[in-house]
Protein backbone atom coordinates (compact mmCIF):
# COMPACT_ATOMS: atom_id res chain seq x y z
CA MET A 1 46.68 -8.46 32.46
CA ARG A 2 44.15 -10.27 30.33
CA PHE A 3 42.39 -6.99 29.49
CA SER A 4 45.65 -5.42 28.38
CA THR A 5 46.13 -8.27 25.91
CA THR A 6 42.68 -7.66 24.46
CA ALA A 7 43.27 -3.93 24.37
CA GLU A 8 46.63 -4.49 22.72
CA GLN A 9 44.95 -6.52 19.99
CA ALA A 10 42.42 -3.72 19.52
CA THR A 11 45.18 -1.23 18.67
CA THR A 12 45.40 -2.76 15.22
CA GLU A 13 42.70 -2.06 12.69
CA SER A 14 40.17 -4.86 12.42
CA LYS A 15 38.68 -5.67 9.05
CA PHE A 16 35.25 -6.10 10.63
CA PHE A 17 33.88 -4.17 13.59
CA TYR A 18 31.46 -6.19 15.73
CA GLY A 19 29.20 -3.17 16.05
CA TRP A 20 27.89 -3.91 12.56
CA THR A 21 26.61 -7.25 13.88
CA ILE A 22 24.62 -5.29 16.46
CA VAL A 23 23.24 -3.20 13.60
CA ALA A 24 22.21 -6.35 11.69
CA VAL A 25 20.31 -7.76 14.70
CA GLY A 26 18.69 -4.36 15.15
CA PHE A 27 17.63 -4.43 11.49
CA LEU A 28 15.77 -7.72 12.07
CA ALA A 29 14.19 -6.49 15.29
CA HIS A 30 12.95 -3.36 13.52
CA ILE A 31 11.21 -5.55 10.94
CA ALA A 32 9.43 -7.53 13.65
CA SER A 33 8.53 -4.38 15.57
CA ALA A 34 6.73 -3.04 12.49
CA PHE A 35 4.05 -5.73 12.87
CA SER A 36 2.54 -3.92 15.86
CA ILE A 37 2.67 -0.28 14.72
CA SER A 38 -0.23 1.99 13.82
CA SER A 39 0.20 1.78 10.04
CA THR A 40 0.00 -2.03 10.19
CA LEU A 41 -3.06 -1.92 12.43
CA SER A 42 -4.55 0.60 10.01
CA VAL A 43 -4.99 -2.11 7.36
CA PHE A 44 -6.99 -4.14 9.86
CA LEU A 45 -9.21 -1.22 10.96
CA LYS A 46 -12.17 -1.82 8.65
CA PRO A 47 -12.37 -5.64 8.69
CA LEU A 48 -11.74 -5.82 12.44
CA SER A 49 -14.13 -3.05 13.45
CA SER A 50 -16.79 -4.55 11.20
CA ASP A 51 -16.28 -8.11 12.42
CA LEU A 52 -16.08 -7.18 16.10
CA GLY A 53 -18.84 -4.54 15.90
CA ILE A 54 -17.01 -1.42 17.11
CA SER A 55 -16.65 2.17 15.85
CA ARG A 56 -13.42 3.66 14.53
CA GLY A 57 -13.12 5.87 17.61
CA VAL A 58 -13.28 2.84 19.92
CA PHE A 59 -10.90 0.88 17.69
CA SER A 60 -8.42 3.77 17.91
CA LEU A 61 -8.24 3.30 21.68
CA ILE A 62 -6.28 0.09 21.04
CA ARG A 63 -3.28 2.03 19.81
CA SER A 64 -3.57 4.72 22.49
CA GLY A 65 -3.48 2.10 25.22
CA GLU A 66 -0.46 0.46 23.60
CA ILE A 67 1.40 3.75 23.41
CA LEU A 68 0.70 4.42 27.10
CA ILE A 69 1.88 0.91 28.01
CA GLY A 70 5.09 1.54 26.08
CA ALA A 71 5.46 4.89 27.82
CA ALA A 72 5.02 3.37 31.28
CA ALA A 73 7.52 0.60 30.48
CA ALA A 74 10.18 2.87 28.94
CA PRO A 75 11.89 4.11 32.16
CA LEU A 76 12.17 0.58 33.57
CA VAL A 77 13.36 -0.85 30.24
CA GLY A 78 15.91 1.97 29.95
CA THR A 79 17.31 1.24 33.42
CA LEU A 80 17.57 -2.49 32.67
CA LEU A 81 19.23 -1.66 29.38
CA ASP A 82 21.91 0.43 31.10
CA ARG A 83 22.60 -2.34 33.62
CA HIS A 84 22.38 -5.53 31.59
CA GLY A 85 22.31 -4.67 27.89
CA ALA A 86 19.79 -5.69 25.25
CA ARG A 87 20.47 -9.41 24.80
CA TRP A 88 17.93 -10.94 27.18
CA LEU A 89 15.52 -8.02 26.89
CA MET A 90 15.18 -8.47 23.14
CA ALA A 91 14.90 -12.26 23.34
CA ALA A 92 12.16 -12.02 25.97
CA GLY A 93 10.41 -9.31 23.97
CA GLY A 94 10.41 -11.38 20.79
CA LEU A 95 9.01 -14.38 22.65
CA ILE A 96 6.24 -12.43 24.39
CA SER A 97 5.26 -10.37 21.36
CA GLY A 98 5.31 -13.40 19.04
CA ALA A 99 3.01 -15.32 21.40
CA GLY A 100 0.71 -12.30 21.52
CA PHE A 101 0.37 -12.20 17.73
CA LEU A 102 -0.44 -15.92 17.64
CA LEU A 103 -3.18 -15.42 20.22
CA LEU A 104 -4.65 -12.45 18.31
CA GLY A 105 -5.67 -14.94 15.66
CA GLN A 106 -7.77 -16.73 18.26
CA ALA A 107 -9.59 -13.64 19.63
CA ARG A 108 -13.37 -14.02 19.50
CA ASP A 109 -14.43 -10.55 20.63
CA PHE A 110 -12.98 -7.07 21.05
CA SER A 111 -12.14 -7.52 24.75
CA GLN A 112 -9.99 -10.58 23.97
CA PHE A 113 -8.27 -8.78 21.12
CA LEU A 114 -7.57 -5.82 23.42
CA PHE A 115 -6.30 -8.12 26.16
CA PHE A 116 -3.77 -9.86 23.91
CA ARG A 117 -2.54 -6.57 22.39
CA TRP A 118 -2.15 -4.78 25.71
CA LEU A 119 -0.87 -7.64 27.89
CA LEU A 120 1.47 -9.36 25.43
CA VAL A 121 2.15 -7.54 22.16
CA SER A 122 2.77 -4.10 23.67
CA PRO A 123 5.07 -5.19 26.57
CA GLY A 124 6.94 -7.48 24.19
CA ASP A 125 7.50 -4.66 21.72
CA ALA A 126 8.75 -2.41 24.55
CA LEU A 127 11.46 -4.99 25.27
CA MET A 128 12.61 -5.56 21.69
CA GLY A 129 11.58 -2.39 19.87
CA GLY A 130 13.09 0.85 18.67
CA MET A 131 14.33 2.32 21.94
CA VAL A 132 16.24 -0.83 22.95
CA VAL A 133 17.73 -1.28 19.48
CA ASN A 134 18.72 2.36 19.02
CA VAL A 135 20.24 2.80 22.47
CA SER A 136 22.31 -0.35 21.91
CA ILE A 137 23.56 0.90 18.55
CA SER A 138 24.33 4.36 19.96
CA ARG A 139 26.65 2.72 22.49
CA TRP A 140 28.62 1.03 19.74
CA PHE A 141 28.95 4.06 17.48
CA VAL A 142 29.79 7.75 17.96
CA ARG A 143 31.41 9.15 14.83
CA MET A 144 29.38 6.85 12.55
CA ARG A 145 26.26 6.88 14.71
CA GLY A 146 24.03 8.43 12.04
CA ARG A 147 24.73 5.82 9.38
CA ALA A 148 24.57 2.92 11.87
CA LEU A 149 21.15 4.01 13.13
CA ALA A 150 20.03 4.53 9.55
CA LEU A 151 21.06 1.04 8.44
CA ALA A 152 19.23 -0.63 11.33
CA GLY A 153 16.21 1.65 10.88
CA MET A 154 15.94 0.59 7.25
CA GLY A 155 14.56 -2.71 8.58
CA HIS A 156 11.58 -0.82 9.93
CA GLY A 157 11.24 1.09 6.66
CA LEU A 158 11.53 -2.07 4.58
CA ALA A 159 8.81 -3.75 6.64
CA LYS A 160 6.54 -0.73 6.26
CA VAL A 161 7.04 -0.70 2.48
CA GLY A 162 5.67 -4.19 2.08
CA MET A 163 3.45 -4.31 5.14
CA PRO A 164 0.25 -2.72 3.73
CA ILE A 165 0.28 -4.90 0.62
CA LEU A 166 1.35 -7.98 2.59
CA ALA A 167 -1.31 -7.45 5.26
CA ALA A 168 -4.00 -6.70 2.70
CA SER A 169 -3.07 -9.85 0.76
CA LEU A 170 -3.00 -12.02 3.89
CA ILE A 171 -6.39 -10.68 4.97
CA LEU A 172 -7.78 -11.36 1.48
CA HIS A 173 -6.54 -14.97 1.37
CA MET A 174 -6.39 -16.02 5.04
CA GLY A 175 -8.60 -13.54 6.88
CA TRP A 176 -7.40 -11.13 9.53
CA ARG A 177 -6.91 -13.94 12.06
CA GLY A 178 -4.54 -15.85 9.81
CA ALA A 179 -2.55 -12.68 9.13
CA TRP A 180 -1.76 -12.22 12.82
CA VAL A 181 -0.62 -15.85 13.11
CA VAL A 182 1.86 -15.30 10.27
CA PHE A 183 3.19 -12.16 11.99
CA GLY A 184 3.66 -14.11 15.23
CA LEU A 185 5.72 -16.88 13.61
CA VAL A 186 7.91 -14.38 11.76
CA THR A 187 8.53 -12.39 14.96
CA LEU A 188 9.74 -15.47 16.83
CA GLY A 189 12.13 -16.32 14.01
CA LEU A 190 13.56 -12.84 13.49
CA VAL A 191 14.23 -11.78 17.08
CA VAL A 192 14.69 -14.54 19.67
CA GLY A 193 17.60 -16.50 18.20
CA PRO A 194 19.63 -13.58 16.77
CA ALA A 195 19.32 -11.60 20.02
CA LEU A 196 20.57 -14.50 22.17
CA LEU A 197 23.41 -15.35 19.82
CA PHE A 198 24.77 -11.97 18.80
CA MET A 199 23.70 -9.04 21.00
CA ARG A 200 26.39 -7.56 23.27
CA ARG A 201 26.11 -4.66 25.72
CA ARG A 202 28.87 -2.29 24.60
CA PRO A 203 32.22 -2.39 22.76
CA GLU A 204 34.29 -1.92 25.92
CA ASP A 205 33.03 -5.31 27.19
CA MET A 206 34.83 -6.91 24.23
CA GLY A 207 38.00 -4.83 24.55
CA LEU A 208 36.88 -2.54 21.73
CA LEU A 209 36.07 1.13 21.25
CA PRO A 210 33.10 2.77 19.47
CA ASP A 211 33.24 2.89 15.65
CA GLY A 212 35.97 0.23 15.60
CA ARG A 213 38.63 2.76 16.49
CA SER A 214 41.92 1.50 17.95
CA TYR A 215 43.22 2.71 21.28
CA ILE A 216 45.98 4.57 19.45
CA GLN A 217 43.40 6.43 17.35
CA HIS A 218 41.44 7.20 20.49
CA GLU A 219 44.47 8.77 22.19
CA ARG A 220 45.30 10.81 19.09
CA SER A 221 41.70 12.05 18.87
CA ALA A 222 41.67 13.00 22.55
CA SER A 223 44.98 14.88 22.17
CA ALA A 224 43.67 16.72 19.12
CA ASN A 225 40.50 17.75 20.97
CA LYS A 226 42.56 19.08 23.88
CA ALA A 227 44.81 21.00 21.52
CA ASP A 228 41.89 22.43 19.58
CA PRO A 229 38.65 22.67 21.63
CA ALA A 230 36.78 23.85 18.54
CA ARG A 231 37.08 20.32 17.18
CA VAL A 232 34.95 18.86 19.97
CA ARG A 233 31.50 17.88 18.66
CA PRO A 234 28.36 17.10 20.72
CA SER A 235 29.51 13.47 20.87
CA ALA A 236 32.29 14.59 23.20
CA THR A 237 29.67 14.27 25.97
CA ASP A 238 29.52 10.50 25.45
CA ASP A 239 31.43 9.74 28.66
CA VAL A 240 29.38 12.10 30.86
CA VAL A 241 27.10 10.46 33.42
CA TRP A 242 23.64 11.96 33.89
CA SER A 243 21.07 11.17 36.54
CA ARG A 244 17.38 11.48 35.74
CA ARG A 245 17.07 14.44 38.09
CA GLU A 246 19.94 16.26 36.39
CA ALA A 247 18.46 15.64 32.93
CA LEU A 248 15.04 16.89 34.04
CA ARG A 249 16.62 20.17 35.12
CA THR A 250 17.99 20.93 31.65
CA PRO A 251 15.98 22.98 29.12
CA ALA A 252 17.32 20.69 26.38
CA PHE A 253 15.51 17.64 27.80
CA TRP A 254 12.11 19.34 27.87
CA LEU A 255 12.55 21.01 24.50
CA ILE A 256 13.35 17.66 22.81
CA VAL A 257 10.32 16.06 24.47
CA ILE A 258 7.92 18.84 23.47
CA THR A 259 9.31 19.30 19.94
CA PHE A 260 8.88 15.64 19.02
CA GLY A 261 5.88 15.02 21.28
CA VAL A 262 3.71 17.71 19.67
CA ALA A 263 4.31 16.31 16.19
CA HIS A 264 3.79 12.71 17.33
CA VAL A 265 0.18 13.48 18.22
CA GLY A 266 -0.48 13.76 14.48
CA VAL A 267 1.96 11.05 13.36
CA THR A 268 0.31 8.28 15.39
CA GLY A 269 -3.15 9.49 14.40
CA LEU A 270 -2.32 9.59 10.69
CA ASN A 271 -0.56 6.22 10.79
CA LEU A 272 -3.69 4.51 12.09
CA HIS A 273 -6.21 6.34 9.90
CA VAL A 274 -4.40 6.98 6.60
CA PHE A 275 -5.65 3.73 5.02
CA SER A 276 -9.25 4.68 5.84
CA PHE A 277 -8.64 8.29 4.77
CA VAL A 278 -7.68 7.19 1.27
CA SER A 279 -10.37 4.52 0.90
CA ASP A 280 -13.06 6.93 2.16
CA GLN A 281 -12.29 9.11 -0.87
CA GLY A 282 -13.57 6.32 -3.08
CA HIS A 283 -10.24 4.70 -3.92
CA PRO A 284 -9.94 0.90 -3.76
CA ALA A 285 -8.12 -0.82 -0.90
CA MET A 286 -5.01 -1.49 -3.00
CA VAL A 287 -4.65 2.24 -3.79
CA ALA A 288 -4.75 2.94 -0.05
CA ALA A 289 -2.17 0.21 0.45
CA PHE A 290 0.08 1.74 -2.23
CA VAL A 291 -0.21 5.17 -0.57
CA MET A 292 0.98 3.63 2.68
CA SER A 293 3.75 1.83 0.82
CA THR A 294 4.80 5.14 -0.76
CA ILE A 295 5.23 6.65 2.70
CA ALA A 296 7.06 3.55 3.87
CA PHE A 297 9.32 3.40 0.80
CA MET A 298 10.56 6.92 1.47
CA GLN A 299 11.06 6.05 5.13
CA PHE A 300 13.11 3.08 3.93
CA SER A 301 15.16 4.87 1.27
CA THR A 302 16.00 8.20 2.95
CA PRO A 303 17.35 7.41 6.47
CA MET A 304 20.92 7.01 5.24
CA ILE A 305 20.80 10.52 3.76
CA TRP A 306 19.41 11.89 7.01
CA GLY A 307 22.00 9.94 9.01
CA LEU A 308 24.97 11.20 7.01
CA LEU A 309 23.66 14.76 7.20
CA ALA A 310 23.20 14.39 10.97
CA GLU A 311 26.87 13.44 11.34
CA ARG A 312 27.92 16.66 9.61
CA ARG A 313 25.22 19.32 10.10
CA ASP A 314 23.39 21.07 12.92
CA LEU A 315 20.73 18.73 14.28
CA GLY A 316 18.28 21.50 15.15
CA ARG A 317 18.16 22.78 11.57
CA LEU A 318 17.76 19.26 10.18
CA ILE A 319 14.89 18.57 12.57
CA MET A 320 13.20 21.79 11.47
CA ALA A 321 13.58 20.79 7.79
CA LYS A 322 12.11 17.36 8.54
CA PHE A 323 8.95 18.79 10.09
CA LEU A 324 8.51 21.35 7.31
CA ILE A 325 8.76 18.66 4.60
CA GLN A 326 6.10 16.61 6.39
CA ALA A 327 3.80 19.63 6.72
CA VAL A 328 4.08 20.54 3.03
CA GLY A 329 3.39 16.93 2.05
CA ILE A 330 0.20 16.65 4.11
CA LEU A 331 -0.95 20.05 2.87
CA LEU A 332 -0.51 18.93 -0.75
CA ALA A 333 -2.36 15.64 -0.20
CA LEU A 334 -5.23 17.41 1.55
CA SER A 335 -5.66 20.51 -0.62
CA THR A 336 -5.90 19.06 -4.14
CA PRO A 337 -8.09 16.11 -5.15
CA GLY A 338 -6.75 13.34 -7.38
CA LEU A 339 -4.18 10.56 -7.26
CA LEU A 340 -1.24 12.73 -8.37
CA SER A 341 -1.47 15.10 -5.40
CA LEU A 342 -2.25 12.18 -3.09
CA TYR A 343 0.87 10.25 -4.05
CA SER A 344 3.05 13.38 -4.29
CA GLY A 345 1.95 14.65 -0.90
CA PHE A 346 2.56 11.39 0.90
CA PHE A 347 5.83 10.99 -1.02
CA LEU A 348 7.06 14.20 0.62
CA TYR A 349 5.61 13.21 3.97
CA GLY A 350 7.54 9.93 3.78
CA ILE A 351 10.81 11.79 3.13
CA GLY A 352 10.28 13.76 6.32
CA MET A 353 9.30 10.63 8.25
CA GLY A 354 12.54 9.00 7.10
CA GLY A 355 14.45 11.36 9.36
CA THR A 356 12.26 10.97 12.44
CA SER A 357 13.90 8.11 14.28
CA ILE A 358 17.41 8.97 13.08
CA LEU A 359 17.31 12.59 14.21
CA ALA A 360 15.49 11.82 17.47
CA GLU A 361 17.99 9.12 18.46
CA MET A 362 20.94 11.25 17.37
CA ILE A 363 19.91 14.25 19.44
CA TRP A 364 19.31 12.19 22.60
CA ALA A 365 22.64 10.36 22.22
CA ASN A 366 24.68 13.42 21.23
CA TYR A 367 23.22 15.61 23.97
CA PHE A 368 23.27 13.12 26.88
CA GLY A 369 25.99 10.61 25.94
CA ARG A 370 26.33 6.82 25.92
CA ILE A 371 26.68 5.93 29.59
CA SER A 372 23.28 7.05 30.89
CA LEU A 373 21.46 6.90 27.57
CA GLY A 374 19.08 4.09 28.49
CA LYS A 375 17.49 5.76 31.49
CA ILE A 376 17.46 9.25 29.95
CA ARG A 377 16.03 7.94 26.69
CA GLY A 378 13.48 5.88 28.62
CA LEU A 379 12.35 8.92 30.57
CA GLY A 380 12.06 10.93 27.36
CA SER A 381 10.06 8.13 25.73
CA LEU A 382 7.64 8.12 28.66
CA LEU A 383 6.80 11.75 28.00
CA THR A 384 6.78 11.75 24.19
CA HIS A 385 4.61 8.62 24.22
CA ALA A 386 2.13 10.47 26.40
CA PHE A 387 1.71 12.94 23.53
CA SER A 388 1.53 10.11 20.98
CA ALA A 389 -1.23 8.31 22.84
CA GLY A 390 -3.67 11.14 22.11
CA GLY A 391 -3.31 10.92 18.33
CA PRO A 392 -5.32 7.81 17.34
CA PRO A 393 -8.47 8.58 19.39
CA PHE A 394 -8.20 12.27 18.48
CA PHE A 395 -8.40 11.40 14.77
CA GLY A 396 -11.00 8.69 15.35
CA ILE A 397 -13.33 10.74 17.54
CA LEU A 398 -13.14 13.76 15.22
CA PHE A 399 -14.05 11.45 12.35
CA ASP A 400 -17.01 10.03 14.29
CA TYR A 401 -18.33 13.57 14.85
CA THR A 402 -17.56 15.12 11.46
CA GLN A 403 -17.54 12.02 9.21
CA SER A 404 -14.35 13.43 7.67
CA TYR A 405 -10.60 13.49 8.34
CA TYR A 406 -10.18 17.03 7.01
CA LEU A 407 -10.19 18.74 10.42
CA SER A 408 -7.79 16.31 12.11
CA PHE A 409 -5.34 16.41 9.18
CA SER A 410 -5.46 20.23 9.17
CA ILE A 411 -4.65 20.32 12.88
CA PHE A 412 -1.75 17.94 12.22
CA ILE A 413 -0.29 20.40 9.71
CA GLY A 414 -0.40 23.10 12.37
CA LEU A 415 1.35 20.84 14.88
CA LEU A 416 4.16 20.14 12.40
CA PHE A 417 4.75 23.86 11.87
CA ALA A 418 4.81 24.33 15.66
CA SER A 419 7.45 21.60 16.06
CA ALA A 420 9.52 23.12 13.25
CA PHE A 421 9.52 26.44 15.12
CA LEU A 422 10.48 24.84 18.45
CA SER A 423 13.42 23.02 16.87
CA LEU A 424 15.13 26.36 16.26
CA PHE A 425 15.83 26.58 20.01
CA LEU A 426 17.49 23.16 20.50
CA ARG A 427 20.88 23.45 22.21
CA PRO A 428 23.12 20.83 23.92
CA PRO A 429 22.76 20.74 27.73
CA LYS A 430 25.56 21.76 30.07
CA LYS A 431 26.30 19.81 33.23
């Protein structure tokens, strides 16, 4: 009887849907998660490798190991997410990752630095990072899923806009050790408290429905879909339960993994080495930082456009366009010398990157639904991360042998065109 009272209250339109609180917490978590990513570590590549006496190829192994740790953790985190929600996972992740950053400032050799990154920062990020945030948001939104994911993802983009300049400034004034300490304190403040106070598992637990719809609206929508099957969009699969075995048997699962995984080999490699790529051309460190900020600014400013398009257009075609824009951008930056082509090329690349997380999360959620999304998304992350792990050492080792990034960047362009071609075959699975 108590549930019926809550449900009865939910039949009236609420001025504020609690799902937007989930988006706000996700926005903060995305900011904190950006402290551990490749593009942030890229700013530390030269001072760290010089101070600790290691080559760029060896330094690149840091990020590969972290990606593999995240991949191994993803299925377990996804299962816990389906069962218990994100509240305690995110709080624990913020605490562990924040402690890891603080300890990075105390590392005295490369083995200690590696230990703190792999044993604390990476597991912590797996608990509070993008997959946990995006799965949680996808449970609260269906019709407005694209814009909700975009708003939360702008936290990651905002952090990446300022991160190169912030990190470079912190290193200049406090050294690389002091910079990590600052990141640790900020992580603890942004994630732990908000997650404990505000995160909730799904709208149904609060007597609500996705998107803030009332029960009356839900019944009308269901009746309309029955009357006109053509109105049913991919999100109509949101109440379908999938097991891991069933998902693995669908062509859609493997095509999503391969399409994004192939491109991620180059994305993770470029993210770690782009700062060095620019500075190796003779440009000062701040120019390299501004190039990274250009990429990040476009990742920050374009997700809402990608999200709104994803709510209305075919996801496969949008994914193809995303990869093509990235490929053209890298080709422009690589083919013509000078600052104009450098900034223009990475400007385009950033536009394409702005759609990456939005379109990836949308296609997983729309194709496999809300109920089993954690475990299916976790399994997909395990496999796509396996591709991603090869990028940083691939770029680093090729540089060690050729003393240039030209070959690795050229291969990345080819991988983007391959992913664009594969995206033409994406279709929703049938159970």
